[in-house]
Amino acid sequence: METFGRWTNKFLMFNLFLVFFFFGWLLVALGGESLKINLGLELWRQLWEPLIQPVLGIVMAGAIASGVISKVKQKLKAQ
């Protein structure tokens, strides 16, 4: 069980870094768009639904699950 938890945490951290990468890409692409330089904003928009939204969903689900598991562990230790 400990190994599963470790791999799950690594997977969630990888997803979090993907979110940071996509956010940075969005900021750079928006800056380029304002300067009339193509830095991939249209590609970012195409990837929004099939790739970026699921990555965000995994990070959010992982955060919720982590909080729930933490509370359950606290309750079990208190008993």
PDB file of N, CA and C in Angstrom:
ATOM      1  N   MET A   1       0.824  -1.195   0.000  1.00  0.00           N
ATOM      2  CA  MET A   1       0.000   0.000   0.000  1.00  0.00           C
ATOM      3  C   MET A   1       0.869   1.260   0.000  1.00  0.00           C
ATOM      4  N   GLU A   2       1.978   1.208   0.705  1.00  0.00           N
ATOM      5  CA  GLU A   2       2.878   2.362   0.768  1.00  0.00           C
ATOM      6  C   GLU A   2       3.469   2.669  -0.611  1.00  0.00           C
ATOM      7  N   THR A   3       3.811   1.617  -1.369  1.00  0.00           N
ATOM      8  CA  THR A   3       4.362   1.809  -2.708  1.00  0.00           C
ATOM      9  C   THR A   3       3.328   2.451  -3.624  1.00  0.00           C
ATOM     10  N   PHE A   4       2.081   2.008  -3.514  1.00  0.00           N
ATOM     11  CA  PHE A   4       1.004   2.590  -4.318  1.00  0.00           C
ATOM     12  C   PHE A   4       0.850   4.075  -4.010  1.00  0.00           C
ATOM     13  N   GLY A   5       0.902   4.427  -2.748  1.00  0.00           N
ATOM     14  CA  GLY A   5       0.795   5.829  -2.346  1.00  0.00           C
ATOM     15  C   GLY A   5       1.942   6.664  -2.878  1.00  0.00           C
ATOM     16  N   ARG A   6       3.136   6.093  -2.864  1.00  0.00           N
ATOM     17  CA  ARG A   6       4.305   6.803  -3.364  1.00  0.00           C
ATOM     18  C   ARG A   6       4.172   7.080  -4.864  1.00  0.00           C
ATOM     19  N   TRP A   7       3.759   6.047  -5.617  1.00  0.00           N
ATOM     20  CA  TRP A   7       3.590   6.212  -7.060  1.00  0.00           C
ATOM     21  C   TRP A   7       2.455   7.178  -7.376  1.00  0.00           C
ATOM     22  N   THR A   8       1.407   7.147  -6.585  1.00  0.00           N
ATOM     23  CA  THR A   8       0.298   8.081  -6.783  1.00  0.00           C
ATOM     24  C   THR A   8       0.768   9.511  -6.565  1.00  0.00           C
ATOM     25  N   ASN A   9       1.551   9.734  -5.528  1.00  0.00           N
ATOM     26  CA  ASN A   9       2.084  11.076  -5.268  1.00  0.00           C
ATOM     27  C   ASN A   9       2.995  11.549  -6.398  1.00  0.00           C
ATOM     28  N   LYS A  10       3.829  10.654  -6.925  1.00  0.00           N
ATOM     29  CA  LYS A  10       4.700  11.018  -8.046  1.00  0.00           C
ATOM     30  C   LYS A  10       3.874  11.382  -9.276  1.00  0.00           C
ATOM     31  N   PHE A  11       2.830  10.602  -9.533  1.00  0.00           N
ATOM     32  CA  PHE A  11       1.954  10.869 -10.669  1.00  0.00           C
ATOM     33  C   PHE A  11       1.268  12.226 -10.518  1.00  0.00           C
ATOM     34  N   LEU A  12       0.784  12.521  -9.321  1.00  0.00           N
ATOM     35  CA  LEU A  12       0.118  13.805  -9.082  1.00  0.00           C
ATOM     36  C   LEU A  12       1.096  14.972  -9.186  1.00  0.00           C
ATOM     37  N   MET A  13       2.327  14.784  -8.742  1.00  0.00           N
ATOM     38  CA  MET A  13       3.332  15.843  -8.871  1.00  0.00           C
ATOM     39  C   MET A  13       3.653  16.100 -10.343  1.00  0.00           C
ATOM     40  N   PHE A  14       3.766  15.024 -11.128  1.00  0.00           N
ATOM     41  CA  PHE A  14       3.999  15.173 -12.566  1.00  0.00           C
ATOM     42  C   PHE A  14       2.861  15.968 -13.198  1.00  0.00           C
ATOM     43  N   ASN A  15       1.624  15.644 -12.828  1.00  0.00           N
ATOM     44  CA  ASN A  15       0.468  16.365 -13.350  1.00  0.00           C
ATOM     45  C   ASN A  15       0.496  17.832 -12.939  1.00  0.00           C
ATOM     46  N   LEU A  16       0.906  18.101 -11.710  1.00  0.00           N
ATOM     47  CA  LEU A  16       0.984  19.483 -11.248  1.00  0.00           C
ATOM     48  C   LEU A  16       1.996  20.276 -12.069  1.00  0.00           C
ATOM     49  N   PHE A  17       3.146  19.673 -12.369  1.00  0.00           N
ATOM     50  CA  PHE A  17       4.131  20.359 -13.193  1.00  0.00           C
ATOM     51  C   PHE A  17       3.616  20.573 -14.614  1.00  0.00           C
ATOM     52  N   LEU A  18       2.808  19.637 -15.119  1.00  0.00           N
ATOM     53  CA  LEU A  18       2.175  19.848 -16.420  1.00  0.00           C
ATOM     54  C   LEU A  18       1.246  21.055 -16.382  1.00  0.00           C
ATOM     55  N   VAL A  19       0.493  21.194 -15.308  1.00  0.00           N
ATOM     56  CA  VAL A  19      -0.396  22.352 -15.157  1.00  0.00           C
ATOM     57  C   VAL A  19       0.427  23.638 -15.160  1.00  0.00           C
ATOM     58  N   PHE A  20       1.525  23.668 -14.416  1.00  0.00           N
ATOM     59  CA  PHE A  20       2.388  24.855 -14.400  1.00  0.00           C
ATOM     60  C   PHE A  20       2.938  25.153 -15.796  1.00  0.00           C
ATOM     61  N   PHE A  21       3.345  24.099 -16.508  1.00  0.00           N
ATOM     62  CA  PHE A  21       3.867  24.267 -17.866  1.00  0.00           C
ATOM     63  C   PHE A  21       2.811  24.876 -18.782  1.00  0.00           C
ATOM     64  N   PHE A  22       1.596  24.317 -18.746  1.00  0.00           N
ATOM     65  CA  PHE A  22       0.533  24.825 -19.611  1.00  0.00           C
ATOM     66  C   PHE A  22       0.151  26.262 -19.246  1.00  0.00           C
ATOM     67  N   PHE A  23       0.181  26.590 -17.956  1.00  0.00           N
ATOM     68  CA  PHE A  23      -0.114  27.959 -17.536  1.00  0.00           C
ATOM     69  C   PHE A  23       0.960  28.922 -18.044  1.00  0.00           C
ATOM     70  N   GLY A  24       2.220  28.524 -17.915  1.00  0.00           N
ATOM     71  CA  GLY A  24       3.312  29.351 -18.432  1.00  0.00           C
ATOM     72  C   GLY A  24       3.207  29.538 -19.935  1.00  0.00           C
ATOM     73  N   TRP A  25       2.882  28.458 -20.634  1.00  0.00           N
ATOM     74  CA  TRP A  25       2.704  28.528 -22.081  1.00  0.00           C
ATOM     75  C   TRP A  25       1.582  29.517 -22.421  1.00  0.00           C
ATOM     76  N   LEU A  26       0.470  29.450 -21.685  1.00  0.00           N
ATOM     77  CA  LEU A  26      -0.646  30.363 -21.927  1.00  0.00           C
ATOM     78  C   LEU A  26      -0.209  31.814 -21.739  1.00  0.00           C
ATOM     79  N   LEU A  27       0.513  32.095 -20.668  1.00  0.00           N
ATOM     80  CA  LEU A  27       0.961  33.471 -20.423  1.00  0.00           C
ATOM     81  C   LEU A  27       1.874  33.974 -21.536  1.00  0.00           C
ATOM     82  N   VAL A  28       2.818  33.142 -21.952  1.00  0.00           N
ATOM     83  CA  VAL A  28       3.743  33.533 -23.021  1.00  0.00           C
ATOM     84  C   VAL A  28       2.985  33.724 -24.333  1.00  0.00           C
ATOM     85  N   ALA A  29       2.070  32.803 -24.637  1.00  0.00           N
ATOM     86  CA  ALA A  29       1.305  32.896 -25.882  1.00  0.00           C
ATOM     87  C   ALA A  29       0.402  34.125 -25.894  1.00  0.00           C
ATOM     88  N   LEU A  30      -0.194  34.455 -24.749  1.00  0.00           N
ATOM     89  CA  LEU A  30      -1.022  35.665 -24.679  1.00  0.00           C
ATOM     90  C   LEU A  30      -0.178  36.922 -24.853  1.00  0.00           C
ATOM     91  N   GLY A  31       1.012  36.917 -24.259  1.00  0.00           N
ATOM     92  CA  GLY A  31       1.924  38.042 -24.457  1.00  0.00           C
ATOM     93  C   GLY A  31       2.326  38.181 -25.916  1.00  0.00           C
ATOM     94  N   GLY A  32       2.618  37.061 -26.552  1.00  0.00           N
ATOM     95  CA  GLY A  32       2.954  37.087 -27.972  1.00  0.00           C
ATOM     96  C   GLY A  32       1.793  37.548 -28.828  1.00  0.00           C
ATOM     97  N   GLU A  33       0.600  37.123 -28.465  1.00  0.00           N
ATOM     98  CA  GLU A  33      -0.598  37.534 -29.210  1.00  0.00           C
ATOM     99  C   GLU A  33      -0.785  39.047 -29.140  1.00  0.00           C
ATOM    100  N   SER A  34      -0.525  39.632 -27.984  1.00  0.00           N
ATOM    101  CA  SER A  34      -0.684  41.087 -27.851  1.00  0.00           C
ATOM    102  C   SER A  34       0.365  41.841 -28.667  1.00  0.00           C
ATOM    103  N   LEU A  35       1.507  41.184 -28.928  1.00  0.00           N
ATOM    104  CA  LEU A  35       2.558  41.788 -29.744  1.00  0.00           C
ATOM    105  C   LEU A  35       2.492  41.338 -31.198  1.00  0.00           C
ATOM    106  N   LYS A  36       1.435  40.612 -31.543  1.00  0.00           N
ATOM    107  CA  LYS A  36       1.226  40.085 -32.902  1.00  0.00           C
ATOM    108  C   LYS A  36       2.311  39.092 -33.304  1.00  0.00           C
ATOM    109  N   ILE A  37       2.775  38.289 -32.315  1.00  0.00           N
ATOM    110  CA  ILE A  37       3.757  37.229 -32.560  1.00  0.00           C
ATOM    111  C   ILE A  37       3.068  35.904 -32.260  1.00  0.00           C
ATOM    112  N   ASN A  38       3.169  34.966 -33.196  1.00  0.00           N
ATOM    113  CA  ASN A  38       2.530  33.668 -33.003  1.00  0.00           C
ATOM    114  C   ASN A  38       3.408  32.795 -32.109  1.00  0.00           C
ATOM    115  N   LEU A  39       2.959  32.557 -30.885  1.00  0.00           N
ATOM    116  CA  LEU A  39       3.694  31.702 -29.951  1.00  0.00           C
ATOM    117  C   LEU A  39       2.870  30.485 -29.530  1.00  0.00           C
ATOM    118  N   GLY A  40       1.920  30.094 -30.362  1.00  0.00           N
ATOM    119  CA  GLY A  40       1.200  28.851 -30.117  1.00  0.00           C
ATOM    120  C   GLY A  40      -0.102  28.975 -29.361  1.00  0.00           C
ATOM    121  N   LEU A  41      -0.711  30.137 -29.348  1.00  0.00           N
ATOM    122  CA  LEU A  41      -1.978  30.287 -28.631  1.00  0.00           C
ATOM    123  C   LEU A  41      -3.074  29.433 -29.263  1.00  0.00           C
ATOM    124  N   GLU A  42      -3.100  29.374 -30.590  1.00  0.00           N
ATOM    125  CA  GLU A  42      -4.130  28.567 -31.258  1.00  0.00           C
ATOM    126  C   GLU A  42      -3.940  27.081 -30.945  1.00  0.00           C
ATOM    127  N   LEU A  43      -2.696  26.612 -30.912  1.00  0.00           N
ATOM    128  CA  LEU A  43      -2.442  25.218 -30.531  1.00  0.00           C
ATOM    129  C   LEU A  43      -2.857  24.976 -29.089  1.00  0.00           C
ATOM    130  N   TRP A  44      -2.573  25.928 -28.211  1.00  0.00           N
ATOM    131  CA  TRP A  44      -2.971  25.804 -26.810  1.00  0.00           C
ATOM    132  C   TRP A  44      -4.482  25.664 -26.705  1.00  0.00           C
ATOM    133  N   ARG A  45      -5.204  26.480 -27.480  1.00  0.00           N
ATOM    134  CA  ARG A  45      -6.672  26.404 -27.469  1.00  0.00           C
ATOM    135  C   ARG A  45      -7.164  25.058 -27.988  1.00  0.00           C
ATOM    136  N   GLN A  46      -6.498  24.502 -28.982  1.00  0.00           N
ATOM    137  CA  GLN A  46      -6.889  23.192 -29.512  1.00  0.00           C
ATOM    138  C   GLN A  46      -6.641  22.085 -28.493  1.00  0.00           C
ATOM    139  N   LEU A  47      -5.616  22.242 -27.674  1.00  0.00           N
ATOM    140  CA  LEU A  47      -5.287  21.235 -26.662  1.00  0.00           C
ATOM    141  C   LEU A  47      -6.073  21.410 -25.373  1.00  0.00           C
ATOM    142  N   TRP A  48      -6.811  22.504 -25.238  1.00  0.00           N
ATOM    143  CA  TRP A  48      -7.511  22.803 -23.992  1.00  0.00           C
ATOM    144  C   TRP A  48      -8.436  21.671 -23.576  1.00  0.00           C
ATOM    145  N   GLU A  49      -9.349  21.280 -24.447  1.00  0.00           N
ATOM    146  CA  GLU A  49     -10.343  20.281 -24.047  1.00  0.00           C
ATOM    147  C   GLU A  49      -9.791  18.853 -24.000  1.00  0.00           C
ATOM    148  N   PRO A  50      -9.039  18.403 -25.008  1.00  0.00           N
ATOM    149  CA  PRO A  50      -8.616  16.994 -24.951  1.00  0.00           C
ATOM    150  C   PRO A  50      -7.439  16.702 -24.023  1.00  0.00           C
ATOM    151  N   LEU A  51      -6.646  17.705 -23.665  1.00  0.00           N
ATOM    152  CA  LEU A  51      -5.444  17.431 -22.867  1.00  0.00           C
ATOM    153  C   LEU A  51      -5.377  18.235 -21.566  1.00  0.00           C
ATOM    154  N   ILE A  52      -5.550  19.530 -21.648  1.00  0.00           N
ATOM    155  CA  ILE A  52      -5.319  20.387 -20.484  1.00  0.00           C
ATOM    156  C   ILE A  52      -6.414  20.233 -19.437  1.00  0.00           C
ATOM    157  N   GLN A  53      -7.675  20.178 -19.854  1.00  0.00           N
ATOM    158  CA  GLN A  53      -8.761  20.007 -18.882  1.00  0.00           C
ATOM    159  C   GLN A  53      -8.650  18.698 -18.099  1.00  0.00           C
ATOM    160  N   PRO A  54      -8.352  17.559 -18.754  1.00  0.00           N
ATOM    161  CA  PRO A  54      -8.176  16.336 -17.955  1.00  0.00           C
ATOM    162  C   PRO A  54      -7.018  16.416 -16.965  1.00  0.00           C
ATOM    163  N   VAL A  55      -5.926  17.066 -17.354  1.00  0.00           N
ATOM    164  CA  VAL A  55      -4.792  17.223 -16.436  1.00  0.00           C
ATOM    165  C   VAL A  55      -5.218  18.049 -15.222  1.00  0.00           C
ATOM    166  N   LEU A  56      -5.963  19.126 -15.459  1.00  0.00           N
ATOM    167  CA  LEU A  56      -6.472  19.938 -14.347  1.00  0.00           C
ATOM    168  C   LEU A  56      -7.419  19.129 -13.469  1.00  0.00           C
ATOM    169  N   GLY A  57      -8.259  18.325 -14.092  1.00  0.00           N
ATOM    170  CA  GLY A  57      -9.195  17.492 -13.336  1.00  0.00           C
ATOM    171  C   GLY A  57      -8.486  16.485 -12.452  1.00  0.00           C
ATOM    172  N   ILE A  58      -7.415  15.888 -12.966  1.00  0.00           N
ATOM    173  CA  ILE A  58      -6.649  14.918 -12.178  1.00  0.00           C
ATOM    174  C   ILE A  58      -6.017  15.602 -10.972  1.00  0.00           C
ATOM    175  N   VAL A  59      -5.465  16.792 -11.178  1.00  0.00           N
ATOM    176  CA  VAL A  59      -4.844  17.520 -10.063  1.00  0.00           C
ATOM    177  C   VAL A  59      -5.891  17.872  -9.009  1.00  0.00           C
ATOM    178  N   MET A  60      -7.056  18.341  -9.449  1.00  0.00           N
ATOM    179  CA  MET A  60      -8.110  18.701  -8.486  1.00  0.00           C
ATOM    180  C   MET A  60      -8.631  17.470  -7.753  1.00  0.00           C
ATOM    181  N   ALA A  61      -8.851  16.376  -8.474  1.00  0.00           N
ATOM    182  CA  ALA A  61      -9.324  15.145  -7.832  1.00  0.00           C
ATOM    183  C   ALA A  61      -8.287  14.627  -6.841  1.00  0.00           C
ATOM    184  N   GLY A  62      -7.012  14.721  -7.205  1.00  0.00           N
ATOM    185  CA  GLY A  62      -5.956  14.295  -6.300  1.00  0.00           C
ATOM    186  C   GLY A  62      -5.900  15.132  -5.038  1.00  0.00           C
ATOM    187  N   ALA A  63      -6.106  16.433  -5.180  1.00  0.00           N
ATOM    188  CA  ALA A  63      -6.109  17.311  -4.005  1.00  0.00           C
ATOM    189  C   ALA A  63      -7.273  16.977  -3.079  1.00  0.00           C
ATOM    190  N   ILE A  64      -8.438  16.746  -3.656  1.00  0.00           N
ATOM    191  CA  ILE A  64      -9.607  16.390  -2.843  1.00  0.00           C
ATOM    192  C   ILE A  64      -9.390  15.045  -2.167  1.00  0.00           C
ATOM    193  N   ALA A  65      -8.910  14.063  -2.931  1.00  0.00           N
ATOM    194  CA  ALA A  65      -8.676  12.730  -2.366  1.00  0.00           C
ATOM    195  C   ALA A  65      -7.628  12.782  -1.260  1.00  0.00           C
ATOM    196  N   SER A  66      -6.594  13.577  -1.451  1.00  0.00           N
ATOM    197  CA  SER A  66      -5.556  13.702  -0.435  1.00  0.00           C
ATOM    198  C   SER A  66      -6.126  14.265   0.860  1.00  0.00           C
ATOM    199  N   GLY A  67      -6.962  15.276   0.752  1.00  0.00           N
ATOM    200  CA  GLY A  67      -7.595  15.849   1.941  1.00  0.00           C
ATOM    201  C   GLY A  67      -8.505  14.866   2.647  1.00  0.00           C
ATOM    202  N   VAL A  68      -9.288  14.122   1.872  1.00  0.00           N
ATOM    203  CA  VAL A  68     -10.198  13.132   2.460  1.00  0.00           C
ATOM    204  C   VAL A  68      -9.407  12.030   3.150  1.00  0.00           C
ATOM    205  N   ILE A  69      -8.367  11.531   2.506  1.00  0.00           N
ATOM    206  CA  ILE A  69      -7.544  10.465   3.093  1.00  0.00           C
ATOM    207  C   ILE A  69      -6.883  10.952   4.374  1.00  0.00           C
ATOM    208  N   SER A  70      -6.403  12.196   4.369  1.00  0.00           N
ATOM    209  CA  SER A  70      -5.784  12.762   5.566  1.00  0.00           C
ATOM    210  C   SER A  70      -6.772  12.819   6.724  1.00  0.00           C
ATOM    211  N   LYS A  71      -7.994  13.260   6.469  1.00  0.00           N
ATOM    212  CA  LYS A  71      -9.013  13.326   7.523  1.00  0.00           C
ATOM    213  C   LYS A  71      -9.370  11.939   8.040  1.00  0.00           C
ATOM    214  N   VAL A  72      -9.481  10.971   7.140  1.00  0.00           N
ATOM    215  CA  VAL A  72      -9.806   9.602   7.553  1.00  0.00           C
ATOM    216  C   VAL A  72      -8.691   9.044   8.426  1.00  0.00           C
ATOM    217  N   LYS A  73      -7.436   9.286   8.044  1.00  0.00           N
ATOM    218  CA  LYS A  73      -6.308   8.813   8.853  1.00  0.00           C
ATOM    219  C   LYS A  73      -6.322   9.449  10.241  1.00  0.00           C
ATOM    220  N   GLN A  74      -6.643  10.739  10.315  1.00  0.00           N
ATOM    221  CA  GLN A  74      -6.720  11.418  11.613  1.00  0.00           C
ATOM    222  C   GLN A  74      -7.798  10.792  12.485  1.00  0.00           C
ATOM    223  N   LYS A  75      -8.941  10.516  11.909  1.00  0.00           N
ATOM    224  CA  LYS A  75     -10.042   9.922  12.678  1.00  0.00           C
ATOM    225  C   LYS A  75      -9.681   8.520  13.155  1.00  0.00           C
ATOM    226  N   LEU A  76      -8.998   7.747  12.304  1.00  0.00           N
ATOM    227  CA  LEU A  76      -8.617   6.391  12.687  1.00  0.00           C
ATOM    228  C   LEU A  76      -7.559   6.398  13.789  1.00  0.00           C
ATOM    229  N   LYS A  77      -6.635   7.359  13.752  1.00  0.00           N
ATOM    230  CA  LYS A  77      -5.615   7.456  14.795  1.00  0.00           C
ATOM    231  C   LYS A  77      -6.225   7.890  16.120  1.00  0.00           C
ATOM    232  N   ALA A  78      -7.254   8.721  16.065  1.00  0.00           N
ATOM    233  CA  ALA A  78      -7.904   9.208  17.284  1.00  0.00           C
ATOM    234  C   ALA A  78      -8.652   8.091  18.007  1.00  0.00           C
ATOM    235  N   GLN A  79      -9.067   7.097  17.277  1.00  0.00           N
ATOM    236  CA  GLN A  79      -9.821   5.990  17.893  1.00  0.00           C
ATOM    237  C   GLN A  79      -8.865   5.033  18.462  1.00  0.00           C
TER     238      GLN A  79
END
